[in-house]
Each structure stands twice: as structure tokens, then as C-alpha cells.
PDB file of N, CA and C in Angstrom:
ATOM      1  N   UNK A   1       0.819  -1.194   0.000  1.00  0.00           N
ATOM      2  CA  UNK A   1       0.000   0.000   0.000  1.00  0.00           C
ATOM      3  C   UNK A   1       0.859   1.253   0.000  1.00  0.00           C
ATOM      4  N   UNK A   2       2.045   1.209   0.550  1.00  0.00           N
ATOM      5  CA  UNK A   2       2.901   2.380   0.575  1.00  0.00           C
ATOM      6  C   UNK A   2       2.808   3.103   1.901  1.00  0.00           C
ATOM      7  N   UNK A   3       3.297   4.339   1.909  1.00  0.00           N
ATOM      8  CA  UNK A   3       3.338   5.112   3.154  1.00  0.00           C
ATOM      9  C   UNK A   3       2.133   6.027   3.332  1.00  0.00           C
ATOM     10  N   UNK A   4       1.137   5.947   2.458  1.00  0.00           N
ATOM     11  CA  UNK A   4      -0.085   6.717   2.628  1.00  0.00           C
ATOM     12  C   UNK A   4      -0.059   8.095   1.991  1.00  0.00           C
ATOM     13  N   UNK A   5       0.964   8.404   1.208  1.00  0.00           N
ATOM     14  CA  UNK A   5       1.009   9.701   0.552  1.00  0.00           C
ATOM     15  C   UNK A   5       0.024   9.725  -0.604  1.00  0.00           C
ATOM     16  N   UNK A   6      -0.338  10.949  -1.030  1.00  0.00           N
ATOM     17  CA  UNK A   6      -1.313  11.082  -2.111  1.00  0.00           C
ATOM     18  C   UNK A   6      -0.816  10.474  -3.420  1.00  0.00           C
ATOM     19  N   UNK A   7       0.471  10.545  -3.694  1.00  0.00           N
ATOM     20  CA  UNK A   7       0.999  10.003  -4.934  1.00  0.00           C
ATOM     21  C   UNK A   7       1.086   8.487  -4.940  1.00  0.00           C
ATOM     22  N   UNK A   8       0.731   7.849  -3.831  1.00  0.00           N
ATOM     23  CA  UNK A   8       0.885   6.405  -3.695  1.00  0.00           C
ATOM     24  C   UNK A   8      -0.456   5.668  -3.760  1.00  0.00           C
ATOM     25  N   UNK A   9      -1.512   6.331  -4.249  1.00  0.00           N
ATOM     26  CA  UNK A   9      -2.834   5.711  -4.316  1.00  0.00           C
ATOM     27  C   UNK A   9      -2.890   4.713  -5.463  1.00  0.00           C
ATOM     28  N   UNK A  10      -3.430   3.534  -5.158  1.00  0.00           N
ATOM     29  CA  UNK A  10      -3.626   2.505  -6.172  1.00  0.00           C
ATOM     30  C   UNK A  10      -4.998   1.899  -5.972  1.00  0.00           C
ATOM     31  N   UNK A  11      -5.550   1.409  -7.030  1.00  0.00           N
ATOM     32  CA  UNK A  11      -6.830   0.717  -6.954  1.00  0.00           C
ATOM     33  C   UNK A  11      -6.511  -0.770  -7.046  1.00  0.00           C
ATOM     34  N   UNK A  12      -6.562  -1.435  -5.897  1.00  0.00           N
ATOM     35  CA  UNK A  12      -6.142  -2.839  -5.835  1.00  0.00           C
ATOM     36  C   UNK A  12      -7.015  -3.736  -6.714  1.00  0.00           C
ATOM     37  N   UNK A  13      -8.300  -3.409  -6.833  1.00  0.00           N
ATOM     38  CA  UNK A  13      -9.182  -4.216  -7.668  1.00  0.00           C
ATOM     39  C   UNK A  13      -8.722  -4.216  -9.119  1.00  0.00           C
ATOM     40  N   UNK A  14      -8.327  -3.054  -9.631  1.00  0.00           N
ATOM     41  CA  UNK A  14      -7.834  -2.992 -11.012  1.00  0.00           C
ATOM     42  C   UNK A  14      -6.534  -3.766 -11.164  1.00  0.00           C
ATOM     43  N   UNK A  15      -5.674  -3.701 -10.165  1.00  0.00           N
ATOM     44  CA  UNK A  15      -4.425  -4.466 -10.205  1.00  0.00           C
ATOM     45  C   UNK A  15      -4.705  -5.964 -10.224  1.00  0.00           C
ATOM     46  N   UNK A  16      -5.657  -6.407  -9.406  1.00  0.00           N
ATOM     47  CA  UNK A  16      -5.997  -7.833  -9.364  1.00  0.00           C
ATOM     48  C   UNK A  16      -6.630  -8.272 -10.678  1.00  0.00           C
ATOM     49  N   UNK A  17      -7.521  -7.461 -11.220  1.00  0.00           N
ATOM     50  CA  UNK A  17      -8.153  -7.801 -12.495  1.00  0.00           C
ATOM     51  C   UNK A  17      -7.135  -7.828 -13.626  1.00  0.00           C
ATOM     52  N   UNK A  18      -6.174  -6.922 -13.577  1.00  0.00           N
ATOM     53  CA  UNK A  18      -5.104  -6.908 -14.578  1.00  0.00           C
ATOM     54  C   UNK A  18      -4.259  -8.181 -14.489  1.00  0.00           C
ATOM     55  N   UNK A  19      -3.999  -8.645 -13.267  1.00  0.00           N
ATOM     56  CA  UNK A  19      -3.263  -9.898 -13.091  1.00  0.00           C
ATOM     57  C   UNK A  19      -4.027 -11.097 -13.623  1.00  0.00           C
ATOM     58  N   UNK A  20      -5.331 -11.137 -13.393  1.00  0.00           N
ATOM     59  CA  UNK A  20      -6.164 -12.222 -13.932  1.00  0.00           C
ATOM     60  C   UNK A  20      -6.151 -12.192 -15.454  1.00  0.00           C
ATOM     61  N   UNK A  21      -6.211 -11.003 -16.035  1.00  0.00           N
ATOM     62  CA  UNK A  21      -6.183 -10.888 -17.488  1.00  0.00           C
ATOM     63  C   UNK A  21      -4.850 -11.373 -18.057  1.00  0.00           C
ATOM     64  N   UNK A  22      -3.763 -11.055 -17.386  1.00  0.00           N
ATOM     65  CA  UNK A  22      -2.448 -11.527 -17.852  1.00  0.00           C
ATOM     66  C   UNK A  22      -2.365 -13.046 -17.764  1.00  0.00           C
ATOM     67  N   UNK A  23      -2.871 -13.613 -16.667  1.00  0.00           N
ATOM     68  CA  UNK A  23      -2.883 -15.076 -16.555  1.00  0.00           C
ATOM     69  C   UNK A  23      -3.797 -15.714 -17.589  1.00  0.00           C
ATOM     70  N   UNK A  24      -4.864 -15.031 -17.970  1.00  0.00           N
ATOM     71  CA  UNK A  24      -5.754 -15.544 -19.004  1.00  0.00           C
ATOM     72  C   UNK A  24      -5.128 -15.505 -20.389  1.00  0.00           C
ATOM     73  N   UNK A  25      -4.194 -14.599 -20.596  1.00  0.00           N
ATOM     74  CA  UNK A  25      -3.504 -14.513 -21.886  1.00  0.00           C
ATOM     75  C   UNK A  25      -2.456 -15.626 -22.020  1.00  0.00           C
ATOM     76  N   UNK A  26      -2.017 -16.181 -20.911  1.00  0.00           N
ATOM     77  CA  UNK A  26      -0.976 -17.213 -20.925  1.00  0.00           C
ATOM     78  C   UNK A  26      -1.325 -18.414 -21.816  1.00  0.00           C
ATOM     79  N   UNK A  27      -2.546 -18.985 -21.768  1.00  0.00           N
ATOM     80  CA  UNK A  27      -2.830 -20.115 -22.670  1.00  0.00           C
ATOM     81  C   UNK A  27      -2.742 -19.757 -24.147  1.00  0.00           C
ATOM     82  N   UNK A  28      -3.020 -18.517 -24.490  1.00  0.00           N
ATOM     83  CA  UNK A  28      -2.893 -18.080 -25.880  1.00  0.00           C
ATOM     84  C   UNK A  28      -1.433 -18.116 -26.300  1.00  0.00           C
ATOM     85  N   UNK A  29      -0.565 -17.616 -25.441  1.00  0.00           N
ATOM     86  CA  UNK A  29       0.856 -17.567 -25.771  1.00  0.00           C
ATOM     87  C   UNK A  29       1.546 -18.917 -25.624  1.00  0.00           C
ATOM     88  N   UNK A  30       0.964 -19.838 -24.874  1.00  0.00           N
ATOM     89  CA  UNK A  30       1.595 -21.147 -24.665  1.00  0.00           C
ATOM     90  C   UNK A  30       1.799 -21.886 -25.979  1.00  0.00           C
ATOM     91  N   UNK A  31       0.855 -21.762 -26.888  1.00  0.00           N
ATOM     92  CA  UNK A  31       1.010 -22.419 -28.190  1.00  0.00           C
ATOM     93  C   UNK A  31       2.204 -21.864 -28.944  1.00  0.00           C
ATOM     94  N   UNK A  32       2.418 -20.569 -28.866  1.00  0.00           N
ATOM     95  CA  UNK A  32       3.548 -19.952 -29.552  1.00  0.00           C
ATOM     96  C   UNK A  32       4.873 -20.292 -28.874  1.00  0.00           C
ATOM     97  N   UNK A  33       4.830 -20.558 -27.568  1.00  0.00           N
ATOM     98  CA  UNK A  33       6.039 -21.007 -26.883  1.00  0.00           C
ATOM     99  C   UNK A  33       6.421 -22.406 -27.347  1.00  0.00           C
ATOM    100  N   UNK A  34       5.417 -23.259 -27.557  1.00  0.00           N
ATOM    101  CA  UNK A  34       5.672 -24.651 -27.935  1.00  0.00           C
ATOM    102  C   UNK A  34       6.013 -24.789 -29.419  1.00  0.00           C
ATOM    103  N   UNK A  35       5.280 -24.096 -30.280  1.00  0.00           N
ATOM    104  CA  UNK A  35       5.475 -24.186 -31.730  1.00  0.00           C
ATOM    105  C   UNK A  35       5.719 -22.780 -32.250  1.00  0.00           C
ATOM    106  N   UNK A  36       6.960 -22.416 -32.388  1.00  0.00           N
ATOM    107  CA  UNK A  36       7.301 -21.022 -32.632  1.00  0.00           C
ATOM    108  C   UNK A  36       7.096 -20.547 -34.058  1.00  0.00           C
ATOM    109  N   UNK A  37       6.966 -21.432 -35.019  1.00  0.00           N
ATOM    110  CA  UNK A  37       6.897 -20.969 -36.403  1.00  0.00           C
ATOM    111  C   UNK A  37       5.564 -21.299 -37.048  1.00  0.00           C
ATOM    112  N   UNK A  38       4.994 -20.340 -37.700  1.00  0.00           N
ATOM    113  CA  UNK A  38       3.864 -20.532 -38.579  1.00  0.00           C
ATOM    114  C   UNK A  38       2.559 -20.992 -37.963  1.00  0.00           C
ATOM    115  N   UNK A  39       2.216 -20.576 -36.761  1.00  0.00           N
ATOM    116  CA  UNK A  39       0.964 -21.026 -36.163  1.00  0.00           C
ATOM    117  C   UNK A  39      -0.187 -20.064 -36.368  1.00  0.00           C
ATOM    118  N   UNK A  40       0.085 -18.831 -36.632  1.00  0.00           N
ATOM    119  CA  UNK A  40      -0.977 -17.837 -36.661  1.00  0.00           C
ATOM    120  C   UNK A  40      -2.004 -18.149 -37.751  1.00  0.00           C
ATOM    121  N   UNK A  41      -3.246 -18.351 -37.341  1.00  0.00           N
ATOM    122  CA  UNK A  41      -4.334 -18.586 -38.271  1.00  0.00           C
ATOM    123  C   UNK A  41      -4.446 -20.006 -38.796  1.00  0.00           C
ATOM    124  N   UNK A  42      -3.666 -20.917 -38.288  1.00  0.00           N
ATOM    125  CA  UNK A  42      -3.739 -22.299 -38.765  1.00  0.00           C
ATOM    126  C   UNK A  42      -4.857 -23.035 -38.060  1.00  0.00           C
ATOM    127  N   UNK A  43      -5.543 -23.891 -38.793  1.00  0.00           N
ATOM    128  CA  UNK A  43      -6.629 -24.662 -38.195  1.00  0.00           C
ATOM    129  C   UNK A  43      -6.174 -26.038 -37.743  1.00  0.00           C
ATOM    130  N   UNK A  44      -5.099 -26.561 -38.294  1.00  0.00           N
ATOM    131  CA  UNK A  44      -4.571 -27.849 -37.816  1.00  0.00           C
ATOM    132  C   UNK A  44      -3.520 -27.551 -36.753  1.00  0.00           C
ATOM    133  N   UNK A  45      -3.915 -27.652 -35.536  1.00  0.00           N
ATOM    134  CA  UNK A  45      -3.083 -27.213 -34.416  1.00  0.00           C
ATOM    135  C   UNK A  45      -2.913 -28.332 -33.424  1.00  0.00           C
ATOM    136  N   UNK A  46      -1.746 -28.783 -33.101  1.00  0.00           N
ATOM    137  CA  UNK A  46      -0.498 -28.557 -33.823  1.00  0.00           C
ATOM    138  C   UNK A  46      -0.538 -29.214 -35.198  1.00  0.00           C
ATOM    139  N   UNK A  47       0.388 -28.884 -36.060  1.00  0.00           N
ATOM    140  CA  UNK A  47       0.353 -29.419 -37.424  1.00  0.00           C
ATOM    141  C   UNK A  47       0.221 -30.938 -37.438  1.00  0.00           C
ATOM    142  N   UNK A  48      -0.753 -31.428 -38.238  1.00  0.00           N
ATOM    143  CA  UNK A  48      -0.988 -32.858 -38.350  1.00  0.00           C
ATOM    144  C   UNK A  48      -1.936 -33.420 -37.311  1.00  0.00           C
ATOM    145  N   UNK A  49      -2.595 -32.589 -36.532  1.00  0.00           N
ATOM    146  CA  UNK A  49      -3.481 -33.070 -35.482  1.00  0.00           C
ATOM    147  C   UNK A  49      -4.891 -33.305 -36.007  1.00  0.00           C
ATOM    148  N   UNK A  50      -5.731 -33.859 -35.159  1.00  0.00           N
ATOM    149  CA  UNK A  50      -7.085 -34.209 -35.546  1.00  0.00           C
ATOM    150  C   UNK A  50      -8.099 -33.135 -35.230  1.00  0.00           C
ATOM    151  N   UNK A  51      -9.377 -33.451 -35.423  1.00  0.00           N
ATOM    152  CA  UNK A  51     -10.437 -32.455 -35.223  1.00  0.00           C
ATOM    153  C   UNK A  51     -10.614 -32.038 -33.761  1.00  0.00           C
ATOM    154  N   UNK A  52     -10.345 -32.924 -32.819  1.00  0.00           N
ATOM    155  CA  UNK A  52     -10.468 -32.558 -31.413  1.00  0.00           C
ATOM    156  C   UNK A  52      -9.432 -31.506 -31.027  1.00  0.00           C
ATOM    157  N   UNK A  53      -8.233 -31.637 -31.558  1.00  0.00           N
ATOM    158  CA  UNK A  53      -7.198 -30.634 -31.304  1.00  0.00           C
ATOM    159  C   UNK A  53      -7.564 -29.296 -31.940  1.00  0.00           C
ATOM    160  N   UNK A  54      -8.151 -29.342 -33.137  1.00  0.00           N
ATOM    161  CA  UNK A  54      -8.578 -28.102 -33.786  1.00  0.00           C
ATOM    162  C   UNK A  54      -9.687 -27.433 -32.975  1.00  0.00           C
ATOM    163  N   UNK A  55     -10.608 -28.237 -32.420  1.00  0.00           N
ATOM    164  CA  UNK A  55     -11.664 -27.696 -31.569  1.00  0.00           C
ATOM    165  C   UNK A  55     -11.077 -27.027 -30.322  1.00  0.00           C
ATOM    166  N   UNK A  56     -10.105 -27.678 -29.720  1.00  0.00           N
ATOM    167  CA  UNK A  56      -9.459 -27.113 -28.533  1.00  0.00           C
ATOM    168  C   UNK A  56      -8.756 -25.801 -28.879  1.00  0.00           C
ATOM    169  N   UNK A  57      -8.114 -25.748 -30.033  1.00  0.00           N
ATOM    170  CA  UNK A  57      -7.432 -24.524 -30.447  1.00  0.00           C
ATOM    171  C   UNK A  57      -8.422 -23.390 -30.645  1.00  0.00           C
ATOM    172  N   UNK A  58      -9.565 -23.701 -31.261  1.00  0.00           N
ATOM    173  CA  UNK A  58     -10.584 -22.667 -31.464  1.00  0.00           C
ATOM    174  C   UNK A  58     -11.207 -22.247 -30.134  1.00  0.00           C
ATOM    175  N   UNK A  59     -11.379 -23.180 -29.210  1.00  0.00           N
ATOM    176  CA  UNK A  59     -11.931 -22.847 -27.896  1.00  0.00           C
ATOM    177  C   UNK A  59     -10.985 -21.928 -27.133  1.00  0.00           C
ATOM    178  N   UNK A  60      -9.704 -22.222 -27.172  1.00  0.00           N
ATOM    179  CA  UNK A  60      -8.720 -21.344 -26.521  1.00  0.00           C
ATOM    180  C   UNK A  60      -8.759 -19.966 -27.155  1.00  0.00           C
ATOM    181  N   UNK A  61      -8.841 -19.933 -28.472  1.00  0.00           N
ATOM    182  CA  UNK A  61      -8.880 -18.644 -29.169  1.00  0.00           C
ATOM    183  C   UNK A  61     -10.141 -17.865 -28.775  1.00  0.00           C
ATOM    184  N   UNK A  62     -11.287 -18.532 -28.739  1.00  0.00           N
ATOM    185  CA  UNK A  62     -12.544 -17.862 -28.427  1.00  0.00           C
ATOM    186  C   UNK A  62     -12.611 -17.422 -26.973  1.00  0.00           C
ATOM    187  N   UNK A  63     -12.278 -18.322 -26.062  1.00  0.00           N
ATOM    188  CA  UNK A  63     -12.423 -18.037 -24.637  1.00  0.00           C
ATOM    189  C   UNK A  63     -11.323 -17.116 -24.131  1.00  0.00           C
ATOM    190  N   UNK A  64     -10.095 -17.421 -24.468  1.00  0.00           N
ATOM    191  CA  UNK A  64      -8.978 -16.695 -23.877  1.00  0.00           C
ATOM    192  C   UNK A  64      -8.532 -15.495 -24.706  1.00  0.00           C
ATOM    193  N   UNK A  65      -8.270 -15.725 -25.982  1.00  0.00           N
ATOM    194  CA  UNK A  65      -7.690 -14.646 -26.775  1.00  0.00           C
ATOM    195  C   UNK A  65      -8.651 -13.472 -26.903  1.00  0.00           C
ATOM    196  N   UNK A  66      -9.873 -13.738 -27.277  1.00  0.00           N
ATOM    197  CA  UNK A  66     -10.810 -12.645 -27.514  1.00  0.00           C
ATOM    198  C   UNK A  66     -11.285 -11.993 -26.224  1.00  0.00           C
ATOM    199  N   UNK A  67     -11.422 -12.749 -25.150  1.00  0.00           N
ATOM    200  CA  UNK A  67     -11.961 -12.191 -23.901  1.00  0.00           C
ATOM    201  C   UNK A  67     -10.881 -11.504 -23.072  1.00  0.00           C
ATOM    202  N   UNK A  68      -9.807 -12.221 -22.779  1.00  0.00           N
ATOM    203  CA  UNK A  68      -8.823 -11.689 -21.852  1.00  0.00           C
ATOM    204  C   UNK A  68      -7.980 -10.579 -22.452  1.00  0.00           C
ATOM    205  N   UNK A  69      -7.682 -10.648 -23.734  1.00  0.00           N
ATOM    206  CA  UNK A  69      -6.929  -9.557 -24.353  1.00  0.00           C
ATOM    207  C   UNK A  69      -7.783  -8.298 -24.400  1.00  0.00           C
ATOM    208  N   UNK A  70      -9.095  -8.455 -24.622  1.00  0.00           N
ATOM    209  CA  UNK A  70      -9.993  -7.305 -24.593  1.00  0.00           C
ATOM    210  C   UNK A  70     -10.052  -6.704 -23.192  1.00  0.00           C
ATOM    211  N   UNK A  71     -10.171  -7.557 -22.177  1.00  0.00           N
ATOM    212  CA  UNK A  71     -10.189  -7.070 -20.794  1.00  0.00           C
ATOM    213  C   UNK A  71      -8.888  -6.343 -20.464  1.00  0.00           C
ATOM    214  N   UNK A  72      -7.765  -6.921 -20.881  1.00  0.00           N
ATOM    215  CA  UNK A  72      -6.470  -6.295 -20.610  1.00  0.00           C
ATOM    216  C   UNK A  72      -6.378  -4.933 -21.300  1.00  0.00           C
ATOM    217  N   UNK A  73      -6.871  -4.828 -22.531  1.00  0.00           N
ATOM    218  CA  UNK A  73      -6.841  -3.547 -23.238  1.00  0.00           C
ATOM    219  C   UNK A  73      -7.718  -2.504 -22.556  1.00  0.00           C
ATOM    220  N   UNK A  74      -8.895  -2.905 -22.087  1.00  0.00           N
ATOM    221  CA  UNK A  74      -9.768  -1.968 -21.375  1.00  0.00           C
ATOM    222  C   UNK A  74      -9.093  -1.492 -20.088  1.00  0.00           C
ATOM    223  N   UNK A  75      -8.449  -2.411 -19.377  1.00  0.00           N
ATOM    224  CA  UNK A  75      -7.756  -2.034 -18.147  1.00  0.00           C
ATOM    225  C   UNK A  75      -6.571  -1.109 -18.430  1.00  0.00           C
ATOM    226  N   UNK A  76      -5.905  -1.330 -19.540  1.00  0.00           N
ATOM    227  CA  UNK A  76      -4.813  -0.437 -19.927  1.00  0.00           C
ATOM    228  C   UNK A  76      -5.354   0.967 -20.166  1.00  0.00           C
ATOM    229  N   UNK A  77      -6.476   1.066 -20.870  1.00  0.00           N
ATOM    230  CA  UNK A  77      -7.101   2.365 -21.103  1.00  0.00           C
ATOM    231  C   UNK A  77      -7.551   3.016 -19.810  1.00  0.00           C
ATOM    232  N   UNK A  78      -8.107   2.231 -18.886  1.00  0.00           N
ATOM    233  CA  UNK A  78      -8.530   2.772 -17.588  1.00  0.00           C
ATOM    234  C   UNK A  78      -7.323   3.301 -16.821  1.00  0.00           C
ATOM    235  N   UNK A  79      -6.207   2.608 -16.912  1.00  0.00           N
ATOM    236  CA  UNK A  79      -4.988   3.078 -16.252  1.00  0.00           C
ATOM    237  C   UNK A  79      -4.513   4.404 -16.807  1.00  0.00           C
ATOM    238  N   UNK A  80      -4.622   4.576 -18.114  1.00  0.00           N
ATOM    239  CA  UNK A  80      -4.232   5.845 -18.740  1.00  0.00           C
ATOM    240  C   UNK A  80      -5.155   6.974 -18.280  1.00  0.00           C
ATOM    241  N   UNK A  81      -6.464   6.681 -18.200  1.00  0.00           N
ATOM    242  CA  UNK A  81      -7.424   7.692 -17.741  1.00  0.00           C
ATOM    243  C   UNK A  81      -7.128   8.091 -16.296  1.00  0.00           C
ATOM    244  N   UNK A  82      -6.847   7.129 -15.439  1.00  0.00           N
ATOM    245  CA  UNK A  82      -6.527   7.414 -14.034  1.00  0.00           C
ATOM    246  C   UNK A  82      -5.229   8.208 -13.938  1.00  0.00           C
ATOM    247  N   UNK A  83      -4.238   7.839 -14.738  1.00  0.00           N
ATOM    248  CA  UNK A  83      -2.971   8.564 -14.750  1.00  0.00           C
ATOM    249  C   UNK A  83      -3.166  10.019 -15.161  1.00  0.00           C
ATOM    250  N   UNK A  84      -3.989  10.237 -16.178  1.00  0.00           N
ATOM    251  CA  UNK A  84      -4.268  11.610 -16.633  1.00  0.00           C
ATOM    252  C   UNK A  84      -5.006  12.404 -15.558  1.00  0.00           C
ATOM    253  N   UNK A  85      -5.991  11.782 -14.922  1.00  0.00           N
ATOM    254  CA  UNK A  85      -6.739  12.471 -13.863  1.00  0.00           C
ATOM    255  C   UNK A  85      -5.824  12.849 -12.707  1.00  0.00           C
ATOM    256  N   UNK A  86      -4.932  11.950 -12.328  1.00  0.00           N
ATOM    257  CA  UNK A  86      -3.979  12.252 -11.255  1.00  0.00           C
ATOM    258  C   UNK A  86      -3.025  13.372 -11.649  1.00  0.00           C
ATOM    259  N   UNK A  87      -2.594  13.383 -12.912  1.00  0.00           N
ATOM    260  CA  UNK A  87      -1.693  14.436 -13.370  1.00  0.00           C
ATOM    261  C   UNK A  87      -2.393  15.787 -13.375  1.00  0.00           C
ATOM    262  N   UNK A  88      -3.652  15.822 -13.806  1.00  0.00           N
ATOM    263  CA  UNK A  88      -4.404  17.081 -13.792  1.00  0.00           C
ATOM    264  C   UNK A  88      -4.638  17.566 -12.368  1.00  0.00           C
ATOM    265  N   UNK A  89      -4.932  16.633 -11.458  1.00  0.00           N
ATOM    266  CA  UNK A  89      -5.128  16.994 -10.050  1.00  0.00           C
ATOM    267  C   UNK A  89      -3.840  17.546  -9.447  1.00  0.00           C
ATOM    268  N   UNK A  90      -2.735  16.906  -9.766  1.00  0.00           N
ATOM    269  CA  UNK A  90      -1.438  17.365  -9.253  1.00  0.00           C
ATOM    270  C   UNK A  90      -1.087  18.747  -9.817  1.00  0.00           C
ATOM    271  N   UNK A  91      -1.383  18.962 -11.095  1.00  0.00           N
ATOM    272  CA  UNK A  91      -1.107  20.273 -11.715  1.00  0.00           C
ATOM    273  C   UNK A  91      -1.986  21.349 -11.100  1.00  0.00           C
ATOM    274  N   UNK A  92      -3.243  21.029 -10.796  1.00  0.00           N
ATOM    275  CA  UNK A  92      -4.147  22.002 -10.192  1.00  0.00           C
ATOM    276  C   UNK A  92      -3.683  22.387  -8.784  1.00  0.00           C
ATOM    277  N   UNK A  93      -3.200  21.393  -8.023  1.00  0.00           N
ATOM    278  CA  UNK A  93      -2.704  21.687  -6.677  1.00  0.00           C
ATOM    279  C   UNK A  93      -1.432  22.521  -6.738  1.00  0.00           C
ATOM    280  N   UNK A  94      -0.628  22.291  -7.757  1.00  0.00           N
ATOM    281  CA  UNK A  94       0.643  23.016  -7.879  1.00  0.00           C
ATOM    282  C   UNK A  94       0.427  24.481  -8.218  1.00  0.00           C
ATOM    283  N   UNK A  95      -0.596  24.738  -9.035  1.00  0.00           N
ATOM    284  CA  UNK A  95      -0.897  26.111  -9.451  1.00  0.00           C
ATOM    285  C   UNK A  95      -1.520  26.885  -8.301  1.00  0.00           C
ATOM    286  N   UNK A  96      -2.366  26.225  -7.529  1.00  0.00           N
ATOM    287  CA  UNK A  96      -3.092  26.920  -6.445  1.00  0.00           C
ATOM    288  C   UNK A  96      -2.213  27.248  -5.276  1.00  0.00           C
TER     289      UNK A  96
END
């Protein structure tokens, strides 16, 4: 939490949600860690696999890639908005 100064305010809920979003992105990147070349947009995942593997790949893409990356992007934008609000507040206090 810090020493309680005004510049040390954090919203723990946003930090926790950001951590969950990063962990949700991990299964998306795991495929690229395992098979580093030519996986983007392929339906036979891993190469030479059957329909159940393709279903699993599409499920990971649908559940994790589209949801968690979107959540992470929204949280990134919220962080920028909070940063701007804090900067404007600090500038207003400095002028007064």
C-alpha cells in the first residue's frame, strides 16, 4: 500500500483484475512457446493433429484470446485515464 502519501494511491481491484487478465492470456501464448513458427491462423493445431485438437485450439482462441486480451486492453485504457486524472489533479494543486 505504501506510506499513505497522495501520490501512492492505487486501486487494488484494477491491479488484481489486470493480473487475472495476464494469466488468461498465458494459454494463448503457450502455443507460440511450444510451436514457434507458422501457427498464426492455422486450423490444424499442432500441425498434423485431428479435429479434437482443432476444436481445442478454437476454444482457446474464443475463450482466452478474444476475452482476456480485450479485458487487458480496457484495463490499460482505464490506467491511462486514471494517470491523466492524477496528473491534472497534481497540476491544479501546484498552481493553487
